[in-house]
Amino acid sequence: MRTHHCPQLLWHVMHTLPLQALEVDPNNTKAMYRRAQAYMGQGDNVEAEQDVKRALLLAPQDVDLLNLQKRLRVVLREEAQKQKAIYSKMFSKPLVRDEPAKPSADAKPATDGSGMMESDTLPPGTEPTPNGSVLLEEA
């Protein structure tokens, strides 16, 4: 049975049938093989790899398992290369703007830390407080 062209719903069915067989016989290598195929069809290659490794411990000369392991290695290698390409692009470019940012029309002008504008001047006899208010001297 060729399983690599099954729709997503069939992968789910193909996953549950081997589970039932494995409940009866936990060392059923054929059920592990079928479940690994279903995992691969669903894109869960790590789970598939675990099933293949376990089945190969029980039947190290099984040709179908060895072929599935080869296909799985190719898929895992391709996934690793895709992830490497994605992350290398993500971190390869510095986050620098080409031109300096222009202040927007809504931007507040800079202050000198006292809440007063740099261009503001205080009337004679006044001085700013740390919170930006102005103290007037009494006459």
C-alpha atoms as a PDB file:
ATOM      1  CA  MET A   1       0.000   0.000   0.000  1.00  0.00           C
ATOM      2  CA  ARG A   2       1.431   3.338  -1.055  1.00  0.00           C
ATOM      3  CA  THR A   3       0.814   5.792   1.746  1.00  0.00           C
ATOM      4  CA  HIS A   4       2.669   8.959   0.829  1.00  0.00           C
ATOM      5  CA  HIS A   5      -0.197  10.450  -1.246  1.00  0.00           C
ATOM      6  CA  CYS A   6      -3.005  10.096   1.320  1.00  0.00           C
ATOM      7  CA  PRO A   7      -5.074  13.147   2.331  1.00  0.00           C
ATOM      8  CA  GLN A   8      -4.686  14.500   5.857  1.00  0.00           C
ATOM      9  CA  LEU A   9      -7.810  12.743   7.147  1.00  0.00           C
ATOM     10  CA  LEU A  10      -6.483   9.375   6.029  1.00  0.00           C
ATOM     11  CA  TRP A  11      -3.218  10.008   7.898  1.00  0.00           C
ATOM     12  CA  HIS A  12      -5.252  10.319  11.070  1.00  0.00           C
ATOM     13  CA  VAL A  13      -7.014   7.016  10.366  1.00  0.00           C
ATOM     14  CA  MET A  14      -3.696   5.381   9.475  1.00  0.00           C
ATOM     15  CA  HIS A  15      -2.334   6.610  12.799  1.00  0.00           C
ATOM     16  CA  THR A  16      -5.160   5.157  14.913  1.00  0.00           C
ATOM     17  CA  LEU A  17      -5.163   1.664  13.391  1.00  0.00           C
ATOM     18  CA  PRO A  18      -1.538   0.905  14.312  1.00  0.00           C
ATOM     19  CA  LEU A  19      -2.253   2.235  17.807  1.00  0.00           C
ATOM     20  CA  GLN A  20      -4.875  -0.461  18.242  1.00  0.00           C
ATOM     21  CA  ALA A  21      -2.460  -3.122  17.013  1.00  0.00           C
ATOM     22  CA  LEU A  22       0.258  -1.849  19.352  1.00  0.00           C
ATOM     23  CA  GLU A  23      -2.134  -2.064  22.295  1.00  0.00           C
ATOM     24  CA  VAL A  24      -2.520  -5.780  21.575  1.00  0.00           C
ATOM     25  CA  ASP A  25       1.170  -6.377  20.748  1.00  0.00           C
ATOM     26  CA  PRO A  26       3.568  -3.559  21.769  1.00  0.00           C
ATOM     27  CA  ASN A  27       6.400  -5.190  19.771  1.00  0.00           C
ATOM     28  CA  ASN A  28       4.530  -5.321  16.446  1.00  0.00           C
ATOM     29  CA  THR A  29       7.118  -3.879  14.050  1.00  0.00           C
ATOM     30  CA  LYS A  30       4.664  -3.670  11.158  1.00  0.00           C
ATOM     31  CA  ALA A  31       2.349  -1.495  13.265  1.00  0.00           C
ATOM     32  CA  MET A  32       5.321   0.694  14.242  1.00  0.00           C
ATOM     33  CA  TYR A  33       6.226   0.964  10.554  1.00  0.00           C
ATOM     34  CA  ARG A  34       2.675   2.016   9.606  1.00  0.00           C
ATOM     35  CA  ARG A  35       2.450   4.496  12.465  1.00  0.00           C
ATOM     36  CA  ALA A  36       5.818   5.981  11.448  1.00  0.00           C
ATOM     37  CA  GLN A  37       4.470   6.398   7.912  1.00  0.00           C
ATOM     38  CA  ALA A  38       1.391   8.135   9.296  1.00  0.00           C
ATOM     39  CA  TYR A  39       3.551  10.422  11.437  1.00  0.00           C
ATOM     40  CA  MET A  40       5.633  11.331   8.385  1.00  0.00           C
ATOM     41  CA  GLY A  41       2.473  12.035   6.391  1.00  0.00           C
ATOM     42  CA  GLN A  42       1.304  14.393   9.122  1.00  0.00           C
ATOM     43  CA  GLY A  43       4.714  16.078   9.207  1.00  0.00           C
ATOM     44  CA  ASP A  44       5.592  14.768  12.684  1.00  0.00           C
ATOM     45  CA  ASN A  45       9.000  13.447  11.700  1.00  0.00           C
ATOM     46  CA  VAL A  46      10.447  13.302  15.215  1.00  0.00           C
ATOM     47  CA  GLU A  47       7.720  10.861  16.299  1.00  0.00           C
ATOM     48  CA  ALA A  48       8.255   8.883  13.099  1.00  0.00           C
ATOM     49  CA  GLU A  49      11.964   8.644  13.841  1.00  0.00           C
ATOM     50  CA  GLN A  50      11.264   7.284  17.331  1.00  0.00           C
ATOM     51  CA  ASP A  51       8.982   4.567  15.926  1.00  0.00           C
ATOM     52  CA  VAL A  52      11.508   3.589  13.260  1.00  0.00           C
ATOM     53  CA  LYS A  53      14.359   3.373  15.783  1.00  0.00           C
ATOM     54  CA  ARG A  54      12.288   1.243  18.157  1.00  0.00           C
ATOM     55  CA  ALA A  55      11.169  -1.073  15.355  1.00  0.00           C
ATOM     56  CA  LEU A  56      14.741  -1.437  14.078  1.00  0.00           C
ATOM     57  CA  LEU A  57      15.837  -2.538  17.550  1.00  0.00           C
ATOM     58  CA  LEU A  58      13.341  -5.395  17.258  1.00  0.00           C
ATOM     59  CA  ALA A  59      13.935  -6.168  13.560  1.00  0.00           C
ATOM     60  CA  PRO A  60      17.298  -4.718  12.475  1.00  0.00           C
ATOM     61  CA  GLN A  61      17.268  -6.457   9.058  1.00  0.00           C
ATOM     62  CA  ASP A  62      13.745  -5.396   8.000  1.00  0.00           C
ATOM     63  CA  VAL A  63      14.196  -3.906   4.528  1.00  0.00           C
ATOM     64  CA  ASP A  64      11.020  -1.810   4.696  1.00  0.00           C
ATOM     65  CA  LEU A  65      12.116  -0.242   7.981  1.00  0.00           C
ATOM     66  CA  LEU A  66      15.605   0.456   6.640  1.00  0.00           C
ATOM     67  CA  ASN A  67      14.150   2.131   3.533  1.00  0.00           C
ATOM     68  CA  LEU A  68      11.777   4.206   5.669  1.00  0.00           C
ATOM     69  CA  GLN A  69      14.706   5.241   7.864  1.00  0.00           C
ATOM     70  CA  LYS A  70      16.614   6.430   4.766  1.00  0.00           C
ATOM     71  CA  ARG A  71      13.614   8.453   3.550  1.00  0.00           C
ATOM     72  CA  LEU A  72      13.160   9.890   7.026  1.00  0.00           C
ATOM     73  CA  ARG A  73      16.804  10.945   7.220  1.00  0.00           C
ATOM     74  CA  VAL A  74      16.458  12.794   3.908  1.00  0.00           C
ATOM     75  CA  VAL A  75      13.312  14.581   5.134  1.00  0.00           C
ATOM     76  CA  LEU A  76      14.940  15.515   8.465  1.00  0.00           C
ATOM     77  CA  ARG A  77      18.041  16.811   6.670  1.00  0.00           C
ATOM     78  CA  GLU A  78      15.884  18.938   4.346  1.00  0.00           C
ATOM     79  CA  GLU A  79      13.952  20.338   7.324  1.00  0.00           C
ATOM     80  CA  ALA A  80      17.207  21.223   9.083  1.00  0.00           C
ATOM     81  CA  GLN A  81      18.480  23.011   5.965  1.00  0.00           C
ATOM     82  CA  LYS A  82      15.237  24.983   5.637  1.00  0.00           C
ATOM     83  CA  GLN A  83      15.387  26.048   9.275  1.00  0.00           C
ATOM     84  CA  LYS A  84      19.042  26.989   8.905  1.00  0.00           C
ATOM     85  CA  ALA A  85      18.218  29.149   5.878  1.00  0.00           C
ATOM     86  CA  ILE A  86      15.317  30.822   7.687  1.00  0.00           C
ATOM     87  CA  TYR A  87      17.355  31.648  10.777  1.00  0.00           C
ATOM     88  CA  SER A  88      20.412  32.756   8.825  1.00  0.00           C
ATOM     89  CA  LYS A  89      18.260  35.296   6.954  1.00  0.00           C
ATOM     90  CA  MET A  90      16.679  36.401  10.198  1.00  0.00           C
ATOM     91  CA  PHE A  91      19.980  37.287  11.837  1.00  0.00           C
ATOM     92  CA  SER A  92      22.120  38.209   8.815  1.00  0.00           C
ATOM     93  CA  LYS A  93      20.926  41.788   8.262  1.00  0.00           C
ATOM     94  CA  PRO A  94      21.566  44.488  10.847  1.00  0.00           C
ATOM     95  CA  LEU A  95      18.591  46.509  12.001  1.00  0.00           C
ATOM     96  CA  VAL A  96      19.823  49.894  10.718  1.00  0.00           C
ATOM     97  CA  ARG A  97      17.780  52.507   8.918  1.00  0.00           C
ATOM     98  CA  ASP A  98      19.097  53.985   5.691  1.00  0.00           C
ATOM     99  CA  GLU A  99      18.102  57.538   6.614  1.00  0.00           C
ATOM    100  CA  PRO A 100      17.608  59.173   9.978  1.00  0.00           C
ATOM    101  CA  ALA A 101      14.103  59.277  11.359  1.00  0.00           C
ATOM    102  CA  LYS A 102      12.260  62.542  10.809  1.00  0.00           C
ATOM    103  CA  PRO A 103      10.223  63.943  13.692  1.00  0.00           C
ATOM    104  CA  SER A 104       6.508  63.707  13.086  1.00  0.00           C
ATOM    105  CA  ALA A 105       4.182  66.697  13.277  1.00  0.00           C
ATOM    106  CA  ASP A 106       2.800  65.335  16.568  1.00  0.00           C
ATOM    107  CA  ALA A 107       6.224  64.959  18.167  1.00  0.00           C
ATOM    108  CA  LYS A 108       6.930  67.044  21.262  1.00  0.00           C
ATOM    109  CA  PRO A 109       9.961  69.310  21.117  1.00  0.00           C
ATOM    110  CA  ALA A 110      12.928  68.460  23.305  1.00  0.00           C
ATOM    111  CA  THR A 111      13.155  69.838  26.808  1.00  0.00           C
ATOM    112  CA  ASP A 112      16.128  70.436  29.046  1.00  0.00           C
ATOM    113  CA  GLY A 113      14.894  68.009  31.700  1.00  0.00           C
ATOM    114  CA  SER A 114      13.087  70.627  33.765  1.00  0.00           C
ATOM    115  CA  GLY A 115       9.970  70.445  31.641  1.00  0.00           C
ATOM    116  CA  MET A 116      10.861  73.767  30.086  1.00  0.00           C
ATOM    117  CA  MET A 117      11.523  74.067  26.413  1.00  0.00           C
ATOM    118  CA  GLU A 118      15.070  74.850  25.461  1.00  0.00           C
ATOM    119  CA  SER A 119      13.822  77.909  23.624  1.00  0.00           C
ATOM    120  CA  ASP A 120      11.753  79.120  26.595  1.00  0.00           C
ATOM    121  CA  THR A 121      13.154  81.864  28.761  1.00  0.00           C
ATOM    122  CA  LEU A 122      12.026  82.594  32.259  1.00  0.00           C
ATOM    123  CA  PRO A 123      10.973  86.025  33.307  1.00  0.00           C
ATOM    124  CA  PRO A 124      13.332  87.793  35.686  1.00  0.00           C
ATOM    125  CA  GLY A 125      12.939  86.725  39.312  1.00  0.00           C
ATOM    126  CA  THR A 126      11.763  83.172  38.570  1.00  0.00           C
ATOM    127  CA  GLU A 127      13.489  79.828  38.562  1.00  0.00           C
ATOM    128  CA  PRO A 128      12.372  76.347  37.444  1.00  0.00           C
ATOM    129  CA  THR A 129      11.798  73.536  39.938  1.00  0.00           C
ATOM    130  CA  PRO A 130      12.735  69.895  39.310  1.00  0.00           C
ATOM    131  CA  ASN A 131       9.139  69.024  38.375  1.00  0.00           C
ATOM    132  CA  GLY A 132       9.011  71.741  35.710  1.00  0.00           C
ATOM    133  CA  SER A 133       6.903  74.307  37.514  1.00  0.00           C
ATOM    134  CA  VAL A 134       8.108  77.841  38.032  1.00  0.00           C
ATOM    135  CA  LEU A 135       8.542  79.586  41.364  1.00  0.00           C
ATOM    136  CA  LEU A 136       7.786  83.239  41.372  1.00  0.00           C
ATOM    137  CA  GLU A 137       9.582  85.444  43.819  1.00  0.00           C
ATOM    138  CA  GLU A 138       7.269  87.580  45.904  1.00  0.00           C
ATOM    139  CA  ALA A 139       7.778  91.265  45.613  1.00  0.00           C
END
